[in-house]
N, C-alpha and C. Protein backbone atom coordinates (compact mmCIF):
# COMPACT_ATOMS: atom_id res chain seq x y z
N UNK A 1 0.85 -1.18 0.00
CA UNK A 1 0.00 0.00 0.00
C UNK A 1 0.89 1.24 0.00
N UNK A 2 0.54 2.20 -0.82
CA UNK A 2 1.29 3.44 -0.89
C UNK A 2 1.00 4.31 0.32
N UNK A 3 2.01 5.07 0.73
CA UNK A 3 1.80 6.02 1.83
C UNK A 3 1.27 7.32 1.25
N UNK A 4 0.41 7.95 2.00
CA UNK A 4 -0.11 9.24 1.54
C UNK A 4 0.80 10.36 2.03
N UNK A 5 0.60 11.52 1.45
CA UNK A 5 1.31 12.70 1.90
C UNK A 5 0.77 13.07 3.27
N UNK A 6 1.63 13.21 4.27
CA UNK A 6 1.12 13.50 5.62
C UNK A 6 0.44 14.86 5.67
N UNK A 7 -0.48 14.99 6.63
CA UNK A 7 -1.17 16.25 6.84
C UNK A 7 -0.28 17.20 7.61
N UNK A 8 -0.75 18.38 7.86
CA UNK A 8 -2.08 18.85 7.49
C UNK A 8 -2.14 19.29 6.03
N UNK A 9 -3.32 19.17 5.46
CA UNK A 9 -3.60 19.71 4.14
C UNK A 9 -4.50 20.92 4.34
N UNK A 10 -4.35 21.91 3.49
CA UNK A 10 -5.11 23.16 3.62
C UNK A 10 -5.95 23.41 2.37
N UNK A 11 -7.04 24.13 2.55
CA UNK A 11 -7.90 24.51 1.43
C UNK A 11 -7.71 25.99 1.15
N UNK A 12 -7.57 26.30 -0.14
CA UNK A 12 -7.50 27.69 -0.59
C UNK A 12 -8.44 27.81 -1.79
N UNK A 13 -9.65 28.30 -1.53
CA UNK A 13 -10.66 28.36 -2.60
C UNK A 13 -11.08 26.96 -3.00
N UNK A 14 -10.75 26.59 -4.25
CA UNK A 14 -11.04 25.24 -4.74
C UNK A 14 -9.76 24.41 -4.80
N UNK A 15 -8.71 24.87 -4.14
CA UNK A 15 -7.43 24.17 -4.16
C UNK A 15 -7.20 23.46 -2.84
N UNK A 16 -6.51 22.33 -2.91
CA UNK A 16 -6.02 21.65 -1.72
C UNK A 16 -4.51 21.67 -1.83
N UNK A 17 -3.85 22.18 -0.79
CA UNK A 17 -2.40 22.24 -0.75
C UNK A 17 -1.93 21.28 0.33
N UNK A 18 -1.12 20.29 -0.08
CA UNK A 18 -0.64 19.30 0.88
C UNK A 18 0.60 19.83 1.60
N UNK A 19 1.03 19.09 2.61
CA UNK A 19 2.17 19.52 3.42
C UNK A 19 3.47 19.55 2.62
N UNK A 20 3.54 18.81 1.51
CA UNK A 20 4.76 18.85 0.70
C UNK A 20 4.65 19.85 -0.45
N UNK A 21 3.58 20.63 -0.48
CA UNK A 21 3.42 21.68 -1.48
C UNK A 21 2.68 21.27 -2.74
N UNK A 22 2.25 20.02 -2.84
CA UNK A 22 1.46 19.59 -3.99
C UNK A 22 0.12 20.30 -3.96
N UNK A 23 -0.33 20.77 -5.12
CA UNK A 23 -1.59 21.49 -5.21
C UNK A 23 -2.55 20.69 -6.09
N UNK A 24 -3.76 20.48 -5.58
CA UNK A 24 -4.83 19.84 -6.35
C UNK A 24 -5.92 20.87 -6.55
N UNK A 25 -6.46 20.93 -7.76
CA UNK A 25 -7.53 21.89 -8.03
C UNK A 25 -8.83 21.15 -8.31
N UNK A 26 -9.92 21.80 -8.01
CA UNK A 26 -11.24 21.20 -8.19
C UNK A 26 -12.12 22.04 -9.09
N UNK A 27 -11.51 22.91 -9.89
CA UNK A 27 -12.29 23.76 -10.77
C UNK A 27 -12.64 23.00 -12.05
N UNK A 28 -13.89 23.11 -12.46
CA UNK A 28 -14.31 22.62 -13.78
C UNK A 28 -15.56 23.38 -14.18
N UNK A 29 -16.02 23.14 -15.39
CA UNK A 29 -17.11 23.93 -15.93
C UNK A 29 -18.50 23.42 -15.57
N UNK A 30 -18.62 22.18 -15.11
CA UNK A 30 -19.94 21.61 -14.91
C UNK A 30 -20.36 21.47 -13.44
N UNK A 31 -19.42 21.52 -12.54
CA UNK A 31 -19.74 21.33 -11.13
C UNK A 31 -19.99 22.67 -10.46
N UNK A 32 -20.98 22.73 -9.61
CA UNK A 32 -21.33 23.97 -8.92
C UNK A 32 -20.23 24.33 -7.93
N UNK A 33 -20.08 25.64 -7.69
CA UNK A 33 -19.02 26.15 -6.82
C UNK A 33 -19.09 25.55 -5.42
N UNK A 34 -20.29 25.45 -4.86
CA UNK A 34 -20.42 24.90 -3.51
C UNK A 34 -19.96 23.46 -3.42
N UNK A 35 -20.24 22.69 -4.46
CA UNK A 35 -19.82 21.30 -4.49
C UNK A 35 -18.30 21.20 -4.62
N UNK A 36 -17.71 22.05 -5.47
CA UNK A 36 -16.25 22.05 -5.62
C UNK A 36 -15.58 22.37 -4.28
N UNK A 37 -16.12 23.36 -3.60
CA UNK A 37 -15.57 23.77 -2.31
C UNK A 37 -15.71 22.64 -1.28
N UNK A 38 -16.87 21.99 -1.26
CA UNK A 38 -17.08 20.89 -0.32
C UNK A 38 -16.14 19.73 -0.63
N UNK A 39 -15.92 19.44 -1.91
CA UNK A 39 -15.00 18.37 -2.29
C UNK A 39 -13.58 18.69 -1.84
N UNK A 40 -13.18 19.94 -1.99
CA UNK A 40 -11.84 20.34 -1.56
C UNK A 40 -11.68 20.14 -0.06
N UNK A 41 -12.69 20.51 0.72
CA UNK A 41 -12.62 20.34 2.17
C UNK A 41 -12.60 18.87 2.57
N UNK A 42 -13.36 18.06 1.86
CA UNK A 42 -13.38 16.63 2.14
C UNK A 42 -12.00 16.02 1.88
N UNK A 43 -11.40 16.39 0.76
CA UNK A 43 -10.07 15.87 0.46
C UNK A 43 -9.03 16.37 1.46
N UNK A 44 -9.11 17.64 1.81
CA UNK A 44 -8.14 18.19 2.77
C UNK A 44 -8.25 17.53 4.14
N UNK A 45 -9.44 17.03 4.47
CA UNK A 45 -9.64 16.38 5.76
C UNK A 45 -9.20 14.91 5.77
N UNK A 46 -8.83 14.38 4.61
CA UNK A 46 -8.49 12.96 4.52
C UNK A 46 -7.41 12.52 5.52
N UNK A 47 -6.30 13.25 5.68
CA UNK A 47 -5.31 12.80 6.66
C UNK A 47 -5.87 12.78 8.09
N UNK A 48 -6.69 13.78 8.43
CA UNK A 48 -7.29 13.81 9.77
C UNK A 48 -8.29 12.67 9.95
N UNK A 49 -9.02 12.34 8.90
CA UNK A 49 -9.98 11.23 8.99
C UNK A 49 -9.24 9.90 9.15
N UNK A 50 -8.14 9.74 8.45
CA UNK A 50 -7.34 8.53 8.61
C UNK A 50 -6.82 8.42 10.04
N UNK A 51 -6.33 9.52 10.56
CA UNK A 51 -5.84 9.53 11.93
C UNK A 51 -6.96 9.20 12.91
N UNK A 52 -8.15 9.75 12.68
CA UNK A 52 -9.29 9.47 13.56
C UNK A 52 -9.65 7.99 13.53
N UNK A 53 -9.63 7.38 12.34
CA UNK A 53 -9.93 5.95 12.24
C UNK A 53 -8.91 5.13 13.01
N UNK A 54 -7.65 5.52 12.92
CA UNK A 54 -6.61 4.82 13.69
C UNK A 54 -6.84 4.99 15.19
N UNK A 55 -7.23 6.19 15.61
CA UNK A 55 -7.51 6.43 17.03
C UNK A 55 -8.73 5.64 17.49
N UNK A 56 -9.74 5.55 16.64
CA UNK A 56 -10.94 4.77 16.98
C UNK A 56 -10.55 3.31 17.18
N UNK A 57 -9.80 2.78 16.24
CA UNK A 57 -9.35 1.39 16.33
C UNK A 57 -8.57 1.16 17.63
N UNK A 58 -7.62 2.05 17.89
CA UNK A 58 -6.80 1.92 19.11
C UNK A 58 -7.64 2.05 20.37
N UNK A 59 -8.59 2.98 20.36
CA UNK A 59 -9.45 3.19 21.53
C UNK A 59 -10.27 1.94 21.83
N UNK A 60 -10.86 1.38 20.80
CA UNK A 60 -11.68 0.17 21.01
C UNK A 60 -10.80 -0.97 21.52
N UNK A 61 -9.65 -1.19 20.89
CA UNK A 61 -8.77 -2.27 21.32
C UNK A 61 -8.31 -2.08 22.77
N UNK A 62 -7.89 -0.86 23.09
CA UNK A 62 -7.37 -0.58 24.43
C UNK A 62 -8.47 -0.66 25.49
N UNK A 63 -9.56 0.04 25.24
CA UNK A 63 -10.63 0.09 26.24
C UNK A 63 -11.27 -1.27 26.46
N UNK A 64 -11.47 -2.02 25.39
CA UNK A 64 -12.09 -3.34 25.54
C UNK A 64 -11.15 -4.31 26.25
N UNK A 65 -9.87 -4.09 26.12
CA UNK A 65 -8.91 -4.93 26.82
C UNK A 65 -8.86 -4.66 28.31
N UNK A 66 -9.41 -3.52 28.74
CA UNK A 66 -9.41 -3.17 30.16
C UNK A 66 -10.43 -3.98 30.96
N UNK A 67 -11.42 -4.54 30.28
CA UNK A 67 -12.52 -5.20 30.98
C UNK A 67 -12.50 -6.71 30.72
N UNK A 68 -12.68 -7.48 31.78
CA UNK A 68 -12.86 -8.92 31.57
C UNK A 68 -14.29 -9.19 31.15
N UNK A 69 -15.21 -8.66 31.89
CA UNK A 69 -16.63 -8.77 31.55
C UNK A 69 -17.20 -7.35 31.61
N UNK A 70 -17.18 -6.64 30.45
CA UNK A 70 -17.60 -5.24 30.47
C UNK A 70 -19.06 -5.07 30.90
N UNK A 71 -19.27 -4.05 31.70
CA UNK A 71 -20.63 -3.69 32.07
C UNK A 71 -21.23 -2.81 30.98
N UNK A 72 -22.51 -2.61 31.05
CA UNK A 72 -23.19 -1.74 30.09
C UNK A 72 -22.61 -0.32 30.15
N UNK A 73 -22.33 0.17 31.35
CA UNK A 73 -21.77 1.50 31.52
C UNK A 73 -20.38 1.59 30.88
N UNK A 74 -19.57 0.56 31.06
CA UNK A 74 -18.24 0.58 30.46
C UNK A 74 -18.32 0.59 28.93
N UNK A 75 -19.24 -0.18 28.35
CA UNK A 75 -19.42 -0.15 26.91
C UNK A 75 -19.90 1.22 26.44
N UNK A 76 -20.77 1.83 27.22
CA UNK A 76 -21.27 3.15 26.86
C UNK A 76 -20.15 4.18 26.87
N UNK A 77 -19.21 4.05 27.79
CA UNK A 77 -18.06 4.96 27.84
C UNK A 77 -17.17 4.77 26.61
N UNK A 78 -16.96 3.53 26.20
CA UNK A 78 -16.17 3.25 24.99
C UNK A 78 -16.87 3.86 23.77
N UNK A 79 -18.16 3.64 23.65
CA UNK A 79 -18.92 4.18 22.53
C UNK A 79 -18.86 5.71 22.54
N UNK A 80 -18.96 6.32 23.70
CA UNK A 80 -18.89 7.78 23.81
C UNK A 80 -17.52 8.28 23.32
N UNK A 81 -16.44 7.61 23.72
CA UNK A 81 -15.10 8.00 23.24
C UNK A 81 -15.01 7.90 21.72
N UNK A 82 -15.52 6.81 21.17
CA UNK A 82 -15.47 6.59 19.72
C UNK A 82 -16.33 7.63 18.99
N UNK A 83 -17.50 7.91 19.50
CA UNK A 83 -18.37 8.90 18.86
C UNK A 83 -17.73 10.29 18.86
N UNK A 84 -17.03 10.63 19.91
CA UNK A 84 -16.34 11.93 19.96
C UNK A 84 -15.27 12.00 18.88
N UNK A 85 -14.50 10.93 18.70
CA UNK A 85 -13.48 10.90 17.65
C UNK A 85 -14.14 11.01 16.27
N UNK A 86 -15.24 10.31 16.07
CA UNK A 86 -15.97 10.38 14.78
C UNK A 86 -16.49 11.79 14.51
N UNK A 87 -17.08 12.39 15.52
CA UNK A 87 -17.64 13.74 15.34
C UNK A 87 -16.54 14.74 15.00
N UNK A 88 -15.41 14.67 15.68
CA UNK A 88 -14.30 15.58 15.40
C UNK A 88 -13.82 15.43 13.95
N UNK A 89 -13.68 14.18 13.50
CA UNK A 89 -13.23 13.94 12.12
C UNK A 89 -14.25 14.43 11.11
N UNK A 90 -15.52 14.13 11.34
CA UNK A 90 -16.56 14.57 10.41
C UNK A 90 -16.64 16.09 10.34
N UNK A 91 -16.48 16.75 11.45
CA UNK A 91 -16.54 18.22 11.46
C UNK A 91 -15.44 18.82 10.58
N UNK A 92 -14.30 18.14 10.49
CA UNK A 92 -13.21 18.66 9.66
C UNK A 92 -13.50 18.56 8.18
N UNK A 93 -14.48 17.76 7.80
CA UNK A 93 -14.81 17.63 6.37
C UNK A 93 -15.75 18.72 5.88
N UNK A 94 -16.29 19.51 6.79
CA UNK A 94 -17.24 20.56 6.42
C UNK A 94 -16.53 21.89 6.21
N UNK A 95 -16.82 22.59 5.12
CA UNK A 95 -16.17 23.87 4.86
C UNK A 95 -16.30 24.86 6.00
N UNK A 96 -17.44 24.90 6.66
CA UNK A 96 -17.66 25.86 7.73
C UNK A 96 -16.75 25.60 8.93
N UNK A 97 -16.30 24.39 9.11
CA UNK A 97 -15.50 24.03 10.28
C UNK A 97 -14.09 24.58 10.21
N UNK A 98 -13.62 24.94 9.02
CA UNK A 98 -12.23 25.36 8.88
C UNK A 98 -12.10 26.83 8.52
N UNK A 99 -13.19 27.55 8.59
CA UNK A 99 -13.12 28.97 8.21
C UNK A 99 -13.40 29.86 9.40
């Protein structure tokens, strides 16, 4: 599997600029401006989303290993931790979250 360019990636209009200076553009004649902008933000959030997935995986493995017979409350705490990581990652994909 190829390694991706590490984050952070930034959005400038319809451009995504990676940490190594590579620039991707999302301008074309048929796609609406709002969609182009949303696509740029989604792509720029990719490294953060990957990191969040890794954190979710690690959180579940670590937290579940803490319990021999987890109680309902302990499972709810694990789910709460995972949901917080998911929400943070999803928020980074929205244009409004980074402006």
